[in-house]
Amino acid sequence: MEPPLAKSAPTHGRKLADGSTIELRTRIYRSDGCEVRREMGSETFNCQYQQNPIVPDGSPLRWEWFRAYEVGADRNWYQAVIQSWDTGMSADPRADFSVCTTWGFRENNWYLLDVWRGQLDYPDLKSRTLALVEQWDPDRVLIEDAATGRSLFDELFRDDWRRYERIRPENDKETRFRSSLAPVEEGKVFLPKEAPWLPVFKRELQSFPRGRNDDQVDSFSQLVNWSKGNGIYRALGREHPINIERRERQRRRR
């Protein structure tokens, strides 16, 4: 296990024979701590080196990691649009929310375009899913294989198998959330400067895992973790310029 790194050089008192005290500064910190933090990411760094699983504000997420964008770009400006669903069970006010986040992809960056959040019974949930597909024409719709999401995927996949993708979650919610933070810290995730849904989205992400709701967290982490693999390249299609360039790079390496 790595030794802890001090946030600053601590001081200790030593009593002299005459009863007075002098301060000694113990040099146990490492000069390369900033570089280690940059390479590992702040959340992992805090856990491993400072033995502190959360940053000082109580969340592993720093809101300033998100970059901001001005709303107004046309749908076609994005190279792909992806929707990520975390589904609840019913319209009961005590039930979990169903959440769909809609994301635009361009130049290896992700832009959060829209958040829909509500409590619906299954027939209305299916109708809402189709309405959001009609609105955004997403290249992929990610649906978590849990709760009503399992039935929702099975029905929609039969009619449009290229668009819908089943996501089987791995690990627990907190692990998935922490895993999603690296691209955010790297500056690859953009949020709008203003949106009616943004305050609730922000509050939920910042209060996780102690907050009352975590459905937007699940939709967010599902998309970001999916984006680390090859899913986005499959969504773009074989003849997309990005995929053609990737194949050329692979040929040159051989």
C-alpha atoms as a PDB file:
ATOM      1  CA  MET A   1       0.000   0.000   0.000  1.00  0.00           C
ATOM      2  CA  GLU A   2       1.252   3.476  -0.842  1.00  0.00           C
ATOM      3  CA  PRO A   3       2.189   5.724   2.098  1.00  0.00           C
ATOM      4  CA  PRO A   4      -0.197   8.614   2.716  1.00  0.00           C
ATOM      5  CA  LEU A   5       0.728  12.013   1.317  1.00  0.00           C
ATOM      6  CA  ALA A   6       0.214  14.971   3.592  1.00  0.00           C
ATOM      7  CA  LYS A   7      -1.839  17.861   2.240  1.00  0.00           C
ATOM      8  CA  SER A   8       0.743  20.157   3.783  1.00  0.00           C
ATOM      9  CA  ALA A   9       3.802  19.729   5.942  1.00  0.00           C
ATOM     10  CA  PRO A  10       2.489  19.306   9.512  1.00  0.00           C
ATOM     11  CA  THR A  11       4.054  20.935  12.550  1.00  0.00           C
ATOM     12  CA  HIS A  12       4.855  19.292  15.882  1.00  0.00           C
ATOM     13  CA  GLY A  13       5.840  20.849  19.184  1.00  0.00           C
ATOM     14  CA  ARG A  14       8.872  19.848  21.241  1.00  0.00           C
ATOM     15  CA  LYS A  15       9.325  20.980  24.835  1.00  0.00           C
ATOM     16  CA  LEU A  16      12.709  22.270  25.956  1.00  0.00           C
ATOM     17  CA  ALA A  17      14.246  22.001  29.404  1.00  0.00           C
ATOM     18  CA  ASP A  18      13.092  25.503  30.340  1.00  0.00           C
ATOM     19  CA  GLY A  19       9.481  24.627  29.533  1.00  0.00           C
ATOM     20  CA  SER A  20       9.285  26.551  26.264  1.00  0.00           C
ATOM     21  CA  THR A  21       8.143  24.911  23.026  1.00  0.00           C
ATOM     22  CA  ILE A  22       9.593  25.010  19.535  1.00  0.00           C
ATOM     23  CA  GLU A  23       7.804  23.963  16.362  1.00  0.00           C
ATOM     24  CA  LEU A  24       9.282  21.343  14.096  1.00  0.00           C
ATOM     25  CA  ARG A  25       8.008  20.899  10.554  1.00  0.00           C
ATOM     26  CA  THR A  26       7.945  17.248   9.530  1.00  0.00           C
ATOM     27  CA  ARG A  27       8.769  16.719   5.847  1.00  0.00           C
ATOM     28  CA  ILE A  28       6.740  13.612   5.064  1.00  0.00           C
ATOM     29  CA  TYR A  29       5.062  14.928   1.936  1.00  0.00           C
ATOM     30  CA  ARG A  30       6.309  14.089  -1.535  1.00  0.00           C
ATOM     31  CA  SER A  31       7.191  16.763  -4.055  1.00  0.00           C
ATOM     32  CA  ASP A  32       5.649  14.793  -6.925  1.00  0.00           C
ATOM     33  CA  GLY A  33       2.196  14.655  -5.321  1.00  0.00           C
ATOM     34  CA  CYS A  34       0.647  17.014  -7.877  1.00  0.00           C
ATOM     35  CA  GLU A  35       1.887  14.871 -10.742  1.00  0.00           C
ATOM     36  CA  VAL A  36       0.575  11.698  -9.101  1.00  0.00           C
ATOM     37  CA  ARG A  37      -2.827  13.360  -8.628  1.00  0.00           C
ATOM     38  CA  ARG A  38      -2.949  14.396 -12.275  1.00  0.00           C
ATOM     39  CA  GLU A  39      -2.138  10.917 -13.555  1.00  0.00           C
ATOM     40  CA  MET A  40      -4.500   9.014 -11.256  1.00  0.00           C
ATOM     41  CA  GLY A  41      -7.387  11.451 -11.016  1.00  0.00           C
ATOM     42  CA  SER A  42      -8.334  13.244  -7.823  1.00  0.00           C
ATOM     43  CA  GLU A  43     -10.836  10.684  -6.544  1.00  0.00           C
ATOM     44  CA  THR A  44      -8.448   7.718  -6.793  1.00  0.00           C
ATOM     45  CA  PHE A  45      -5.587   9.854  -5.477  1.00  0.00           C
ATOM     46  CA  ASN A  46      -7.595  10.832  -2.384  1.00  0.00           C
ATOM     47  CA  CYS A  47      -8.442   7.192  -1.669  1.00  0.00           C
ATOM     48  CA  GLN A  48      -4.980   5.715  -2.175  1.00  0.00           C
ATOM     49  CA  TYR A  49      -2.576   8.412  -1.034  1.00  0.00           C
ATOM     50  CA  GLN A  50      -4.483  10.603   1.404  1.00  0.00           C
ATOM     51  CA  GLN A  51      -6.705   7.775   2.666  1.00  0.00           C
ATOM     52  CA  ASN A  52      -9.733   9.993   2.118  1.00  0.00           C
ATOM     53  CA  PRO A  53     -12.420   8.459  -0.128  1.00  0.00           C
ATOM     54  CA  ILE A  54     -14.134  11.798  -0.837  1.00  0.00           C
ATOM     55  CA  VAL A  55     -13.008  15.297  -1.654  1.00  0.00           C
ATOM     56  CA  PRO A  56     -13.591  17.996   0.993  1.00  0.00           C
ATOM     57  CA  ASP A  57     -17.105  18.963  -0.167  1.00  0.00           C
ATOM     58  CA  GLY A  58     -18.332  15.398   0.448  1.00  0.00           C
ATOM     59  CA  SER A  59     -18.572  14.214  -3.171  1.00  0.00           C
ATOM     60  CA  PRO A  60     -16.009  12.533  -5.440  1.00  0.00           C
ATOM     61  CA  LEU A  61     -17.197  14.906  -8.197  1.00  0.00           C
ATOM     62  CA  ARG A  62     -15.876  18.447  -8.611  1.00  0.00           C
ATOM     63  CA  TRP A  63     -18.445  20.526 -10.479  1.00  0.00           C
ATOM     64  CA  GLU A  64     -15.742  22.713 -12.026  1.00  0.00           C
ATOM     65  CA  TRP A  65     -14.523  19.661 -13.966  1.00  0.00           C
ATOM     66  CA  PHE A  66     -17.514  20.057 -16.268  1.00  0.00           C
ATOM     67  CA  ARG A  67     -17.049  22.433 -19.170  1.00  0.00           C
ATOM     68  CA  ALA A  68     -19.846  24.761 -20.267  1.00  0.00           C
ATOM     69  CA  TYR A  69     -21.319  25.357 -23.698  1.00  0.00           C
ATOM     70  CA  GLU A  70     -23.801  27.810 -25.196  1.00  0.00           C
ATOM     71  CA  VAL A  71     -27.078  26.213 -26.222  1.00  0.00           C
ATOM     72  CA  GLY A  72     -28.037  26.618 -29.861  1.00  0.00           C
ATOM     73  CA  ALA A  73     -26.079  24.166 -32.009  1.00  0.00           C
ATOM     74  CA  ASP A  74     -28.132  22.266 -34.574  1.00  0.00           C
ATOM     75  CA  ARG A  75     -28.695  18.524 -34.059  1.00  0.00           C
ATOM     76  CA  ASN A  76     -26.626  17.851 -37.181  1.00  0.00           C
ATOM     77  CA  TRP A  77     -23.612  19.654 -35.695  1.00  0.00           C
ATOM     78  CA  TYR A  78     -23.054  16.575 -33.541  1.00  0.00           C
ATOM     79  CA  GLN A  79     -21.446  13.509 -35.045  1.00  0.00           C
ATOM     80  CA  ALA A  80     -23.790  11.285 -33.038  1.00  0.00           C
ATOM     81  CA  VAL A  81     -26.620  11.625 -30.533  1.00  0.00           C
ATOM     82  CA  ILE A  82     -27.023   9.023 -27.778  1.00  0.00           C
ATOM     83  CA  GLN A  83     -29.806   8.603 -25.220  1.00  0.00           C
ATOM     84  CA  SER A  84     -29.305   6.853 -21.889  1.00  0.00           C
ATOM     85  CA  TRP A  85     -32.276   5.465 -19.955  1.00  0.00           C
ATOM     86  CA  ASP A  86     -32.591   4.492 -16.313  1.00  0.00           C
ATOM     87  CA  THR A  87     -36.164   3.308 -15.831  1.00  0.00           C
ATOM     88  CA  GLY A  88     -38.356   3.303 -12.737  1.00  0.00           C
ATOM     89  CA  MET A  89     -41.219   0.970 -11.909  1.00  0.00           C
ATOM     90  CA  SER A  90     -44.426   3.026 -11.889  1.00  0.00           C
ATOM     91  CA  ALA A  91     -46.199   6.377 -11.597  1.00  0.00           C
ATOM     92  CA  ASP A  92     -46.432   6.004  -7.817  1.00  0.00           C
ATOM     93  CA  PRO A  93     -45.050   9.187  -6.187  1.00  0.00           C
ATOM     94  CA  ARG A  94     -42.927   6.972  -3.946  1.00  0.00           C
ATOM     95  CA  ALA A  95     -41.379   5.114  -6.890  1.00  0.00           C
ATOM     96  CA  ASP A  96     -37.991   5.807  -8.405  1.00  0.00           C
ATOM     97  CA  PHE A  97     -37.904   8.236 -11.303  1.00  0.00           C
ATOM     98  CA  SER A  98     -37.377   7.201 -14.888  1.00  0.00           C
ATOM     99  CA  VAL A  99     -34.654   9.327 -16.482  1.00  0.00           C
ATOM    100  CA  CYS A 100     -33.475   9.831 -20.039  1.00  0.00           C
ATOM    101  CA  THR A 101     -30.369  11.919 -20.673  1.00  0.00           C
ATOM    102  CA  THR A 102     -29.666  12.924 -24.284  1.00  0.00           C
ATOM    103  CA  TRP A 103     -26.055  13.497 -25.331  1.00  0.00           C
ATOM    104  CA  GLY A 104     -24.325  14.879 -28.383  1.00  0.00           C
ATOM    105  CA  PHE A 105     -20.908  13.575 -29.443  1.00  0.00           C
ATOM    106  CA  ARG A 106     -18.380  15.661 -31.357  1.00  0.00           C
ATOM    107  CA  GLU A 107     -14.587  15.489 -31.626  1.00  0.00           C
ATOM    108  CA  ASN A 108     -14.280  13.058 -28.694  1.00  0.00           C
ATOM    109  CA  ASN A 109     -16.333  15.318 -26.406  1.00  0.00           C
ATOM    110  CA  TRP A 110     -19.795  14.784 -24.939  1.00  0.00           C
ATOM    111  CA  TYR A 111     -22.492  17.472 -24.605  1.00  0.00           C
ATOM    112  CA  LEU A 112     -25.510  16.982 -22.359  1.00  0.00           C
ATOM    113  CA  LEU A 113     -28.410  18.223 -24.493  1.00  0.00           C
ATOM    114  CA  ASP A 114     -31.476  17.313 -22.472  1.00  0.00           C
ATOM    115  CA  VAL A 115     -32.704  15.582 -19.328  1.00  0.00           C
ATOM    116  CA  TRP A 116     -36.183  14.117 -19.052  1.00  0.00           C
ATOM    117  CA  ARG A 117     -37.289  12.895 -15.618  1.00  0.00           C
ATOM    118  CA  GLY A 118     -40.645  11.555 -14.493  1.00  0.00           C
ATOM    119  CA  GLN A 119     -42.652   8.802 -12.813  1.00  0.00           C
ATOM    120  CA  LEU A 120     -44.696   6.795 -15.303  1.00  0.00           C
ATOM    121  CA  ASP A 121     -46.423   3.445 -15.597  1.00  0.00           C
ATOM    122  CA  TYR A 122     -45.067   1.189 -18.314  1.00  0.00           C
ATOM    123  CA  PRO A 123     -47.404   2.108 -21.227  1.00  0.00           C
ATOM    124  CA  ASP A 124     -46.707   5.818 -20.721  1.00  0.00           C
ATOM    125  CA  LEU A 125     -43.000   5.123 -20.294  1.00  0.00           C
ATOM    126  CA  LYS A 126     -42.889   3.398 -23.666  1.00  0.00           C
ATOM    127  CA  SER A 127     -44.753   6.305 -25.258  1.00  0.00           C
ATOM    128  CA  ARG A 128     -42.342   8.795 -23.714  1.00  0.00           C
ATOM    129  CA  THR A 129     -39.353   6.820 -24.982  1.00  0.00           C
ATOM    130  CA  LEU A 130     -40.710   6.875 -28.527  1.00  0.00           C
ATOM    131  CA  ALA A 131     -41.526  10.588 -28.264  1.00  0.00           C
ATOM    132  CA  LEU A 132     -37.943  11.401 -27.251  1.00  0.00           C
ATOM    133  CA  VAL A 133     -36.647   9.240 -30.091  1.00  0.00           C
ATOM    134  CA  GLU A 134     -38.871  11.196 -32.467  1.00  0.00           C
ATOM    135  CA  GLN A 135     -37.609  14.488 -31.032  1.00  0.00           C
ATOM    136  CA  TRP A 136     -33.867  13.767 -31.129  1.00  0.00           C
ATOM    137  CA  ASP A 137     -33.427  10.952 -33.684  1.00  0.00           C
ATOM    138  CA  PRO A 138     -30.659   9.320 -31.593  1.00  0.00           C
ATOM    139  CA  ASP A 139     -28.126   6.985 -33.160  1.00  0.00           C
ATOM    140  CA  ARG A 140     -28.237   4.772 -30.047  1.00  0.00           C
ATOM    141  CA  VAL A 141     -30.628   4.422 -27.140  1.00  0.00           C
ATOM    142  CA  LEU A 142     -29.033   2.757 -24.116  1.00  0.00           C
ATOM    143  CA  ILE A 143     -31.492   1.009 -21.791  1.00  0.00           C
ATOM    144  CA  GLU A 144     -30.413  -0.498 -18.495  1.00  0.00           C
ATOM    145  CA  ASP A 145     -31.331  -4.169 -18.194  1.00  0.00           C
ATOM    146  CA  ALA A 146     -33.250  -3.748 -14.946  1.00  0.00           C
ATOM    147  CA  ALA A 147     -36.788  -3.041 -13.718  1.00  0.00           C
ATOM    148  CA  THR A 148     -39.096  -1.998 -16.586  1.00  0.00           C
ATOM    149  CA  GLY A 149     -36.046  -1.389 -18.781  1.00  0.00           C
ATOM    150  CA  ARG A 150     -35.878  -5.090 -19.604  1.00  0.00           C
ATOM    151  CA  SER A 151     -39.391  -5.177 -21.084  1.00  0.00           C
ATOM    152  CA  LEU A 152     -38.925  -1.790 -22.725  1.00  0.00           C
ATOM    153  CA  PHE A 153     -35.803  -2.924 -24.548  1.00  0.00           C
ATOM    154  CA  ASP A 154     -37.353  -6.218 -25.665  1.00  0.00           C
ATOM    155  CA  GLU A 155     -40.331  -4.444 -27.244  1.00  0.00           C
ATOM    156  CA  LEU A 156     -38.428  -1.624 -28.931  1.00  0.00           C
ATOM    157  CA  PHE A 157     -35.552  -3.802 -30.136  1.00  0.00           C
ATOM    158  CA  ARG A 158     -37.913  -5.947 -32.215  1.00  0.00           C
ATOM    159  CA  ASP A 159     -38.991  -2.922 -34.258  1.00  0.00           C
ATOM    160  CA  ASP A 160     -35.673  -1.064 -34.541  1.00  0.00           C
ATOM    161  CA  TRP A 161     -32.777  -3.348 -33.618  1.00  0.00           C
ATOM    162  CA  ARG A 162     -30.055  -1.004 -34.887  1.00  0.00           C
ATOM    163  CA  ARG A 163     -31.021   1.822 -32.544  1.00  0.00           C
ATOM    164  CA  TYR A 164     -31.491   0.163 -29.151  1.00  0.00           C
ATOM    165  CA  GLU A 165     -28.764  -1.311 -26.974  1.00  0.00           C
ATOM    166  CA  ARG A 166     -29.194  -3.274 -23.761  1.00  0.00           C
ATOM    167  CA  ILE A 167     -26.817  -2.293 -20.948  1.00  0.00           C
ATOM    168  CA  ARG A 168     -26.151  -4.860 -18.244  1.00  0.00           C
ATOM    169  CA  PRO A 169     -24.711  -2.937 -15.285  1.00  0.00           C
ATOM    170  CA  GLU A 170     -21.502  -4.150 -13.700  1.00  0.00           C
ATOM    171  CA  ASN A 171     -20.473  -3.401 -10.117  1.00  0.00           C
ATOM    172  CA  ASP A 172     -22.508  -1.270  -7.732  1.00  0.00           C
ATOM    173  CA  LYS A 173     -23.819   2.261  -8.310  1.00  0.00           C
ATOM    174  CA  GLU A 174     -20.980   4.003  -6.463  1.00  0.00           C
ATOM    175  CA  THR A 175     -18.287   2.098  -8.348  1.00  0.00           C
ATOM    176  CA  ARG A 176     -19.949   2.905 -11.672  1.00  0.00           C
ATOM    177  CA  PHE A 177     -20.204   6.583 -10.730  1.00  0.00           C
ATOM    178  CA  ARG A 178     -16.557   6.840  -9.684  1.00  0.00           C
ATOM    179  CA  SER A 179     -15.532   5.089 -12.884  1.00  0.00           C
ATOM    180  CA  SER A 180     -17.381   7.713 -14.925  1.00  0.00           C
ATOM    181  CA  LEU A 181     -15.525  10.685 -13.429  1.00  0.00           C
ATOM    182  CA  ALA A 182     -12.206  10.417 -15.286  1.00  0.00           C
ATOM    183  CA  PRO A 183     -13.554  11.784 -18.621  1.00  0.00           C
ATOM    184  CA  VAL A 184     -15.245  14.610 -16.693  1.00  0.00           C
ATOM    185  CA  GLU A 185     -12.001  15.532 -14.952  1.00  0.00           C
ATOM    186  CA  GLU A 186     -10.223  15.433 -18.323  1.00  0.00           C
ATOM    187  CA  GLY A 187     -12.600  18.111 -19.642  1.00  0.00           C
ATOM    188  CA  LYS A 188     -14.441  15.898 -22.130  1.00  0.00           C
ATOM    189  CA  VAL A 189     -17.961  16.426 -20.757  1.00  0.00           C
ATOM    190  CA  PHE A 190     -19.924  19.643 -21.398  1.00  0.00           C
ATOM    191  CA  LEU A 191     -23.069  20.959 -19.730  1.00  0.00           C
ATOM    192  CA  PRO A 192     -25.209  23.853 -20.975  1.00  0.00           C
ATOM    193  CA  LYS A 193     -24.668  27.183 -19.249  1.00  0.00           C
ATOM    194  CA  GLU A 194     -28.409  27.350 -18.612  1.00  0.00           C
ATOM    195  CA  ALA A 195     -31.220  24.786 -18.757  1.00  0.00           C
ATOM    196  CA  PRO A 196     -34.439  24.363 -16.734  1.00  0.00           C
ATOM    197  CA  TRP A 197     -33.397  20.865 -15.632  1.00  0.00           C
ATOM    198  CA  LEU A 198     -29.788  21.761 -14.751  1.00  0.00           C
ATOM    199  CA  PRO A 199     -30.223  22.728 -11.031  1.00  0.00           C
ATOM    200  CA  VAL A 200     -31.885  19.395 -10.157  1.00  0.00           C
ATOM    201  CA  PHE A 201     -29.313  17.471 -12.199  1.00  0.00           C
ATOM    202  CA  LYS A 202     -26.484  19.271 -10.414  1.00  0.00           C
ATOM    203  CA  ARG A 203     -27.978  18.752  -6.957  1.00  0.00           C
ATOM    204  CA  GLU A 204     -28.453  15.023  -7.514  1.00  0.00           C
ATOM    205  CA  LEU A 205     -24.935  14.409  -8.806  1.00  0.00           C
ATOM    206  CA  GLN A 206     -23.332  16.445  -6.034  1.00  0.00           C
ATOM    207  CA  SER A 207     -25.341  14.761  -3.264  1.00  0.00           C
ATOM    208  CA  PHE A 208     -24.639  11.197  -4.448  1.00  0.00           C
ATOM    209  CA  PRO A 209     -24.403   8.721  -2.746  1.00  0.00           C
ATOM    210  CA  ARG A 210     -26.178  10.295   0.229  1.00  0.00           C
ATOM    211  CA  GLY A 211     -28.990  11.972  -1.705  1.00  0.00           C
ATOM    212  CA  ARG A 212     -32.575  10.796  -1.856  1.00  0.00           C
ATOM    213  CA  ASN A 213     -32.526  10.130  -5.618  1.00  0.00           C
ATOM    214  CA  ASP A 214     -29.864   8.657  -7.880  1.00  0.00           C
ATOM    215  CA  ASP A 215     -31.682   8.016 -11.172  1.00  0.00           C
ATOM    216  CA  GLN A 216     -29.980  10.876 -13.030  1.00  0.00           C
ATOM    217  CA  VAL A 217     -26.669   9.641 -11.625  1.00  0.00           C
ATOM    218  CA  ASP A 218     -27.323   6.185 -13.091  1.00  0.00           C
ATOM    219  CA  SER A 219     -28.250   7.571 -16.512  1.00  0.00           C
ATOM    220  CA  PHE A 220     -25.165   9.813 -16.509  1.00  0.00           C
ATOM    221  CA  SER A 221     -22.668   7.140 -15.428  1.00  0.00           C
ATOM    222  CA  GLN A 222     -24.184   4.607 -17.836  1.00  0.00           C
ATOM    223  CA  LEU A 223     -23.515   6.907 -20.808  1.00  0.00           C
ATOM    224  CA  VAL A 224     -20.026   7.973 -19.759  1.00  0.00           C
ATOM    225  CA  ASN A 225     -18.869   4.432 -18.991  1.00  0.00           C
ATOM    226  CA  TRP A 226     -20.348   3.178 -22.275  1.00  0.00           C
ATOM    227  CA  SER A 227     -18.448   5.925 -24.109  1.00  0.00           C
ATOM    228  CA  LYS A 228     -15.116   4.480 -22.950  1.00  0.00           C
ATOM    229  CA  GLY A 229     -15.577   1.406 -25.139  1.00  0.00           C
ATOM    230  CA  ASN A 230     -16.226   0.937 -28.848  1.00  0.00           C
ATOM    231  CA  GLY A 231     -19.969   1.590 -28.660  1.00  0.00           C
ATOM    232  CA  ILE A 232     -19.723   5.104 -30.058  1.00  0.00           C
ATOM    233  CA  TYR A 233     -17.760   3.881 -33.074  1.00  0.00           C
ATOM    234  CA  ARG A 234     -20.376   1.228 -33.799  1.00  0.00           C
ATOM    235  CA  ALA A 235     -23.051   3.915 -33.505  1.00  0.00           C
ATOM    236  CA  LEU A 236     -21.251   6.134 -36.037  1.00  0.00           C
ATOM    237  CA  GLY A 237     -21.202   3.395 -38.663  1.00  0.00           C
ATOM    238  CA  ARG A 238     -18.373   1.773 -40.562  1.00  0.00           C
ATOM    239  CA  GLU A 239     -18.136   4.440 -43.263  1.00  0.00           C
ATOM    240  CA  HIS A 240     -18.111   7.435 -40.936  1.00  0.00           C
ATOM    241  CA  PRO A 241     -14.927   9.538 -41.437  1.00  0.00           C
ATOM    242  CA  ILE A 242     -13.881   8.913 -37.824  1.00  0.00           C
ATOM    243  CA  ASN A 243     -14.010   5.132 -38.306  1.00  0.00           C
ATOM    244  CA  ILE A 244     -12.231   5.326 -41.658  1.00  0.00           C
ATOM    245  CA  GLU A 245      -9.452   7.308 -39.976  1.00  0.00           C
ATOM    246  CA  ARG A 246      -9.266   4.765 -37.124  1.00  0.00           C
ATOM    247  CA  ARG A 247      -8.839   1.907 -39.586  1.00  0.00           C
ATOM    248  CA  GLU A 248      -6.093   3.805 -41.404  1.00  0.00           C
ATOM    249  CA  ARG A 249      -4.209   4.363 -38.140  1.00  0.00           C
ATOM    250  CA  GLN A 250      -4.492   0.670 -37.298  1.00  0.00           C
ATOM    251  CA  ARG A 251      -3.123  -0.310 -40.715  1.00  0.00           C
ATOM    252  CA  ARG A 252      -0.137   2.011 -40.295  1.00  0.00           C
ATOM    253  CA  ARG A 253       0.723   0.396 -36.941  1.00  0.00           C
ATOM    254  CA  ARG A 254       0.952  -3.091 -38.465  1.00  0.00           C
END
